[in-house]
Protein backbone atom coordinates (compact mmCIF):
# COMPACT_ATOMS: atom_id res chain seq x y z
CA MET A 1 62.41 46.80 14.14
CA SER A 2 63.91 46.49 17.57
CA ASP A 3 65.59 48.99 19.84
CA GLU A 4 68.76 47.06 19.59
CA GLN A 5 68.70 46.96 15.80
CA LEU A 6 67.89 50.64 15.37
CA ASP A 7 70.39 51.83 17.85
CA ARG A 8 73.01 49.53 16.41
CA MET A 9 72.64 51.04 13.01
CA VAL A 10 73.32 54.65 13.77
CA ARG A 11 75.51 54.66 16.66
CA ASP A 12 78.93 53.43 16.04
CA ALA A 13 77.18 50.22 15.49
CA ASP A 14 77.84 49.02 18.93
CA PRO A 15 81.05 50.45 20.04
CA TYR A 16 81.96 53.48 18.04
CA ARG A 17 84.08 53.27 15.12
CA PRO A 18 87.04 55.55 15.03
CA GLY A 19 87.98 57.42 11.90
CA ALA A 20 86.34 57.67 8.56
CA ILE A 21 82.87 56.44 7.68
CA ARG A 22 82.71 52.97 6.32
CA HIS A 23 80.92 51.97 3.15
CA LEU A 24 77.34 50.98 3.79
CA ASP A 25 77.72 47.58 2.18
CA GLU A 26 80.28 46.66 4.83
CA ALA A 27 78.10 48.11 7.55
CA ALA A 28 75.11 46.20 6.27
CA GLN A 29 77.03 42.95 6.39
CA ASP A 30 78.20 43.66 9.94
CA LEU A 31 74.65 44.52 10.91
CA LEU A 32 73.29 41.32 9.43
CA GLU A 33 75.81 39.29 11.42
CA GLU A 34 74.94 41.18 14.59
CA ILE A 35 71.20 40.76 14.16
CA MET A 36 71.62 37.05 13.57
CA SER A 37 73.27 36.71 16.97
CA VAL A 38 70.98 38.97 19.01
CA PRO A 39 67.29 38.44 19.79
CA THR A 40 64.94 41.29 18.95
CA PRO A 41 63.49 43.21 21.90
CA SER A 42 59.87 44.28 21.77
CA SER A 43 60.26 47.97 22.52
CA ALA A 44 58.48 50.57 20.51
CA GLU A 45 60.90 53.26 19.48
CA ALA A 46 64.46 52.34 18.84
CA PRO A 47 67.44 54.30 20.03
CA VAL A 48 70.19 55.02 17.60
CA ARG A 49 73.82 54.13 17.71
CA ARG A 50 76.77 54.78 15.53
CA LEU A 51 78.15 52.05 13.31
CA ARG A 52 81.32 50.62 14.71
CA PRO A 53 83.97 48.62 12.96
CA ARG A 54 83.68 45.35 14.83
CA ARG A 55 79.96 44.91 14.40
CA ALA A 56 77.34 47.19 12.99
CA VAL A 57 75.06 47.65 15.92
CA LEU A 58 72.06 49.37 14.54
CA ASN A 59 70.26 49.64 17.81
CA GLY A 60 68.48 52.77 17.04
CA LEU A 61 67.86 53.32 13.45
CA ALA A 62 66.45 50.12 12.37
CA GLY A 63 64.53 48.97 15.31
CA ALA A 64 61.24 49.19 17.01
CA SER A 65 60.60 52.32 18.98
CA VAL A 66 61.51 52.62 22.59
CA ALA A 67 58.07 52.99 23.97
CA ALA A 68 58.26 55.46 26.80
CA THR A 69 61.02 57.78 27.68
CA LEU A 70 61.94 57.99 31.27
CA LEU A 71 65.48 58.31 32.39
CA ALA A 72 66.85 55.02 33.50
CA GLY A 73 69.92 53.13 33.46
CA VAL A 74 73.51 52.55 33.69
CA LEU A 75 76.19 55.15 33.88
CA VAL A 76 79.85 54.60 33.88
CA VAL A 77 82.30 57.04 35.33
CA SER A 78 85.93 56.90 36.30
CA THR A 79 86.57 57.07 40.03
CA MET A 80 89.18 55.62 42.32
CA ARG A 81 87.98 52.84 44.56
CA GLY A 82 88.41 53.89 48.14
CA GLN A 83 88.61 57.57 47.23
CA SER A 84 85.93 60.22 46.90
CA GLU A 85 82.90 59.26 44.85
CA GLU A 86 83.27 62.46 42.81
CA PRO A 87 83.49 61.54 39.09
CA ALA A 88 87.06 61.69 37.77
CA VAL A 89 85.94 63.72 34.78
CA PRO A 90 85.58 67.46 34.15
CA PRO A 91 82.46 69.06 35.63
CA THR A 92 79.39 68.70 33.44
CA ALA A 93 76.14 70.56 33.15
CA ALA A 94 74.51 67.86 35.23
CA GLU A 95 77.11 68.16 37.97
CA THR A 96 76.67 71.90 38.24
CA MET A 97 72.89 71.59 38.35
CA ASP A 98 71.22 71.95 41.70
CA PRO A 99 70.37 68.37 42.72
CA GLU A 100 66.91 69.58 43.64
CA ALA A 101 66.40 70.70 40.03
CA TYR A 102 66.11 67.21 38.59
CA SER A 103 62.62 66.65 37.28
CA ALA A 104 60.33 64.16 38.99
CA MET A 105 60.31 62.12 35.77
CA VAL A 106 64.09 61.84 35.69
CA LEU A 107 64.35 60.96 39.37
CA LYS A 108 61.60 58.35 39.22
CA ALA A 109 63.10 56.61 36.20
CA ALA A 110 66.61 56.64 37.64
CA GLU A 111 65.34 55.16 40.89
CA GLU A 112 63.59 52.31 39.11
CA ASN A 113 66.44 51.25 36.84
CA PRO A 114 70.04 49.98 37.16
CA ARG A 115 72.56 52.62 38.25
CA LEU A 116 76.02 51.21 37.67
CA LEU A 117 79.38 52.96 37.72
CA ILE A 118 82.91 51.74 37.13
CA GLU A 119 85.12 52.63 40.06
CA GLN A 120 88.30 52.41 38.04
CA PRO A 121 90.37 55.24 36.53
CA GLY A 122 90.49 55.88 32.81
CA TRP A 123 86.95 55.02 31.77
CA THR A 124 84.74 57.69 30.19
CA VAL A 125 81.20 57.59 28.81
CA THR A 126 81.11 57.94 25.03
CA SER A 127 77.48 57.18 24.20
CA ALA A 128 74.06 57.01 25.79
CA TYR A 129 70.66 56.31 24.32
CA GLY A 130 67.08 55.59 25.22
CA PHE A 131 66.88 55.45 28.98
CA ALA A 132 63.32 54.41 28.44
CA GLU A 133 61.46 52.55 31.12
CA LYS A 134 63.45 49.36 31.75
CA GLU A 135 65.43 49.80 28.53
CA GLY A 136 68.51 51.75 27.46
CA SER A 137 72.24 51.59 26.88
CA MET A 138 75.53 53.36 27.53
CA THR A 139 78.98 52.80 26.12
CA PHE A 140 82.20 53.82 27.80
CA SER A 141 85.79 53.53 26.68
CA ASN A 142 89.34 53.46 27.93
CA GLY A 143 92.04 53.61 25.28
CA GLY A 144 91.29 50.98 22.66
CA ARG A 145 88.80 49.10 24.80
CA GLU A 146 85.07 49.71 25.06
CA LEU A 147 82.35 48.29 27.25
CA GLU A 148 78.68 48.60 26.42
CA ILE A 149 76.12 48.26 29.17
CA THR A 150 72.59 47.59 27.96
CA TRP A 151 69.53 46.91 30.06
CA TYR A 152 66.22 45.36 29.09
CA PRO A 153 62.95 44.36 30.78
CA ALA A 154 63.35 41.29 32.96
CA SER A 155 60.76 39.50 30.82
CA GLN A 156 63.29 39.33 27.98
CA HIS A 157 66.05 37.69 30.02
CA ASP A 158 65.23 34.09 29.14
CA SER A 159 65.19 34.85 25.42
CA TYR A 160 68.58 36.55 25.55
CA TYR A 161 70.00 33.83 27.75
CA ARG A 162 68.93 31.09 25.34
CA ASP A 163 70.49 33.03 22.48
CA ARG A 164 73.80 33.37 24.34
CA LEU A 165 73.91 29.62 24.92
CA GLY A 166 74.67 29.43 21.22
CA VAL A 167 77.78 31.51 21.85
CA SER A 168 79.34 29.44 24.61
CA ALA A 169 78.56 27.60 27.78
CA PRO A 170 77.85 30.11 30.59
CA GLU A 171 80.22 30.69 33.46
CA GLU A 172 78.71 31.99 36.67
CA VAL A 173 80.31 35.19 38.02
CA LYS A 174 79.23 37.99 40.33
CA ILE A 175 79.09 41.72 39.64
CA ASP A 176 78.72 43.94 42.69
CA GLY A 177 77.59 40.85 44.57
CA TRP A 178 74.84 40.03 42.05
CA PRO A 179 74.92 36.73 40.09
CA ALA A 180 75.66 36.92 36.38
CA ASP A 181 76.48 34.59 33.48
CA LEU A 182 79.60 35.19 31.42
CA PHE A 183 79.79 34.14 27.77
CA ARG A 184 82.88 33.98 25.54
CA TYR A 185 82.50 35.01 21.89
CA SER A 186 86.26 34.67 21.35
CA ASP A 187 89.49 35.00 23.31
CA SER A 188 89.09 38.79 23.17
CA ASP A 189 85.32 39.28 23.10
CA PHE A 190 83.07 38.65 26.10
CA ALA A 191 79.60 39.32 27.45
CA ALA A 192 78.26 39.11 31.00
CA MET A 193 74.53 39.04 31.71
CA LEU A 194 73.23 39.94 35.15
CA ARG A 195 70.29 37.95 36.45
CA PRO A 196 67.04 39.98 36.54
CA ARG A 197 66.59 42.39 39.43
CA GLU A 198 63.82 44.90 40.10
CA GLY A 199 62.18 44.46 36.72
CA SER A 200 65.22 44.57 34.42
CA PHE A 201 68.43 42.79 33.56
CA VAL A 202 71.78 44.15 32.37
CA GLU A 203 74.25 42.87 29.83
CA PHE A 204 77.90 43.96 29.58
CA ARG A 205 79.53 43.52 26.14
CA THR A 206 83.15 44.18 25.24
CA GLY A 207 84.42 46.06 22.21
CA GLY A 208 88.03 46.15 21.03
CA ALA A 209 90.83 43.88 22.21
CA TRP A 210 90.22 42.50 25.70
CA THR A 211 91.69 39.69 27.73
CA ARG A 212 89.65 37.66 30.16
CA SER A 213 91.68 38.99 33.09
CA GLU A 214 91.03 42.59 32.01
CA PHE A 215 87.32 41.92 31.76
CA ASP A 216 87.31 40.34 35.21
CA ARG A 217 89.12 43.34 36.72
CA VAL A 218 86.66 45.82 35.25
CA LEU A 219 83.63 43.80 36.33
CA ALA A 220 85.09 43.66 39.83
CA ASP A 221 84.99 47.46 39.94
CA VAL A 222 81.39 47.88 38.80
CA VAL A 223 79.21 49.18 41.62
CA ARG A 224 75.61 50.23 42.02
CA VAL A 225 75.12 53.78 43.32
CA ASP A 226 72.30 55.98 44.55
CA THR A 227 70.13 57.98 42.17
CA ARG A 228 71.70 61.40 42.62
CA THR A 229 75.27 60.09 42.40
CA TRP A 230 74.37 58.44 39.13
CA LEU A 231 72.61 61.52 37.74
CA ALA A 232 75.52 63.75 38.74
CA ALA A 233 77.84 61.60 36.63
CA LEU A 234 76.00 62.21 33.35
CA PRO A 235 78.57 63.42 30.81
CA ALA A 236 78.44 66.79 29.08
CA GLY A 237 76.27 66.83 25.97
CA ILE A 238 73.62 64.44 27.24
CA VAL A 239 70.17 65.65 26.23
CA THR A 240 67.91 65.25 29.24
CA PRO A 241 64.16 65.98 29.20
CA GLU A 242 64.89 69.47 30.50
CA ARG A 243 67.04 70.20 27.40
CA VAL A 244 64.90 68.61 24.71
CA ASN A 245 63.12 71.78 23.56
CA GLU A 246 66.35 73.75 23.32
CA GLN A 247 68.28 71.06 21.46
CA ALA A 248 65.38 70.15 19.17
CA ALA A 249 65.02 73.79 18.15
CA LYS A 250 68.68 73.87 17.10
CA ILE A 251 68.36 70.67 15.09
CA LEU A 252 65.13 71.73 13.36
CA ALA A 253 66.27 75.27 12.54
CA ASP A 254 67.00 74.40 8.89
CA VAL A 255 64.82 71.29 8.62
CA PRO A 256 61.46 71.57 6.79
CA LEU A 257 58.72 70.05 8.96
CA PRO A 258 56.00 67.80 7.55
CA PRO A 259 52.33 68.77 7.88
CA GLY A 260 51.03 68.30 11.40
CA PHE A 261 54.44 67.59 12.88
CA ASP A 262 54.21 68.03 16.65
CA ALA A 263 57.59 68.90 18.12
CA THR A 264 56.25 68.40 21.65
CA THR A 265 56.29 64.64 21.04
CA LEU A 266 60.08 64.85 21.11
CA LEU A 267 59.83 65.21 24.87
CA GLY A 268 59.20 61.48 24.85
CA LEU A 269 62.66 60.65 23.50
CA GLY A 270 64.14 60.24 26.95
CA VAL A 271 67.84 60.81 27.61
CA ASN A 272 70.34 60.54 24.77
CA ASP A 273 73.77 61.74 23.78
CA ALA A 274 73.86 64.38 21.04
CA TYR A 275 74.32 61.83 18.26
CA GLN A 276 71.48 59.62 19.40
CA PHE A 277 69.21 62.61 19.88
CA GLY A 278 69.99 63.96 16.42
CA ALA A 279 69.25 60.59 14.86
CA ARG A 280 65.99 60.20 16.77
CA VAL A 281 64.76 63.66 15.81
CA THR A 282 65.64 63.31 12.13
CA SER A 283 64.12 59.84 12.16
CA ARG A 284 60.80 61.30 13.30
CA VAL A 285 60.95 64.00 10.61
CA GLY A 286 61.98 61.64 7.82
CA CYS A 287 59.33 59.06 8.67
CA ALA A 288 56.63 61.73 8.74
CA TRP A 289 57.71 63.12 5.35
CA ILE A 290 57.66 59.63 3.81
CA ALA A 291 54.19 59.04 5.26
CA GLU A 292 53.07 62.32 3.68
CA TRP A 293 54.68 61.35 0.36
CA LEU A 294 52.85 58.02 0.35
CA ARG A 295 49.56 59.70 1.28
CA ALA A 296 49.92 62.23 -1.52
CA LYS A 297 50.85 59.51 -4.01
CA GLU A 298 47.75 57.51 -3.09
CA ALA A 299 45.54 60.61 -3.26
CA GLY A 300 46.99 61.80 -6.55
CA ASP A 301 48.09 65.04 -4.89
CA ASP A 302 51.09 65.84 -7.07
CA ALA A 303 51.87 69.16 -5.37
CA ALA A 304 52.01 67.61 -1.89
CA ARG A 305 54.00 64.69 -3.19
CA GLN A 306 56.56 67.06 -4.72
CA ARG A 307 56.83 69.05 -1.48
CA ALA A 308 57.59 65.86 0.43
CA ALA A 309 60.16 64.77 -2.15
CA ASP A 310 61.82 68.20 -2.05
CA ALA A 311 61.91 68.12 1.75
CA MET A 312 63.66 64.74 1.78
CA ARG A 313 66.08 65.91 -0.94
CA SER A 314 66.95 68.94 1.21
CA SER A 315 68.26 66.63 3.93
CA HIS A 316 71.62 66.74 2.14
CA ASN A 317 71.84 70.31 3.43
CA TRP A 318 70.66 69.76 7.02
CA LYS A 319 73.33 70.94 9.39
CA VAL A 320 72.67 68.25 11.99
CA LEU A 321 73.31 65.42 9.53
CA HIS A 322 76.59 66.92 8.38
CA GLU A 323 77.70 67.31 11.98
CA MET A 324 76.81 63.68 12.69
CA ASN A 325 78.48 62.37 9.56
CA GLU A 326 81.94 62.53 11.12
CA GLU A 327 80.83 60.29 13.95
CA GLY A 328 78.65 57.60 12.45
CA ASP A 329 76.66 56.27 9.50
CA TRP A 330 73.17 57.49 10.31
CA PRO A 331 73.35 60.41 7.80
CA GLU A 332 74.44 58.05 5.01
CA VAL A 333 71.53 55.74 5.76
CA PHE A 334 69.10 58.67 5.90
CA TRP A 335 70.35 60.15 2.62
CA GLU A 336 70.09 56.81 0.84
CA VAL A 337 66.40 56.62 1.77
CA ALA A 338 65.85 60.31 1.00
CA ASP A 339 67.35 59.97 -2.48
CA GLU A 340 64.92 57.19 -3.36
CA VAL A 341 61.94 59.29 -2.28
CA ALA A 342 63.30 62.29 -4.20
CA ALA A 343 63.59 60.06 -7.26
CA GLY A 344 59.93 59.09 -6.96
CA LYS A 345 60.54 55.60 -5.61
CA THR A 346 59.07 54.03 -2.50
CA PRO A 347 62.23 53.09 -0.57
CA ALA A 348 62.33 49.39 0.21
CA GLY A 349 62.66 48.65 3.90
CA TYR A 350 62.60 52.29 4.94
CA THR A 351 60.63 51.54 8.10
CA GLY A 352 63.54 49.45 9.32
CA SER A 353 66.25 51.76 8.04
CA LEU A 354 64.79 54.86 9.68
CA GLY A 355 63.04 53.21 12.62
CA CYS A 356 59.58 54.26 11.47
CA GLU A 357 56.61 52.83 13.34
């Protein structure tokens, strides 16, 4: 399953959905429609996004895994063009960090990937995931409008471009002086795809009610910035490599771990917002417990099989999933799979649902 599919399932399913959690049958239909219109990237460990009302973007839960985990990407922050480049948002942990304290891994990845900000007031980052090498995504919002910026390896550009030709004829535009192709899904839904540069390409996709003139104005205020300016704009709550151990320990405090589970592998999850990180961690745990359940079933080890089933059943009590349940559908998806395992059934399609390798 692809990065885009997995991330689109947990997150708000592309842009976040406000309010109560939707029924999974509706989310599944949205997801099916989204997958039919989006080519599948080849990454290895998918990021996770919340399910949103307009389209269920399961870019994290049901997709392939994002193979690597270096910080990369696109960050959006509200600043006034012509004024100071200080982010027009409250100070964050990243902003108060000594710039020299950024790890070499974070700096290297940020230097090698797109670093885009919106120099326009009112926009705030609401989601981030992945930031793997040449692959990741961020969503930012302003009132009822959202804009998702996703970047992929340059090698995937032609595939995505051909897919978008089925949406509309392209219109050539420029973003921060770089050529891009704009596609119209409807009179209020647009996408703009930057041509490849330095090993990756970026796509901007609207969420909510937009007009073409509004989209043009926002794209006109997108600028590329230096590495440290981009890093300093990371919003509060982002889990960077330096915070993985601390945040993982909180998540796993009441989560039974499968045999041989190596928490140090979580350092490879890259940079994610709290929701994405929680989904990625519980995905790893759930997939490992299912693998143990299948092993025990094959070996006739009833005791081990029961332990695995009990562990998955206990997910209904995991604090992290209850905290996430107000924001997106990942917990509902996880519990649906867990209930099948607890009932002694091999869950159909669980590798896609949970993003298992």
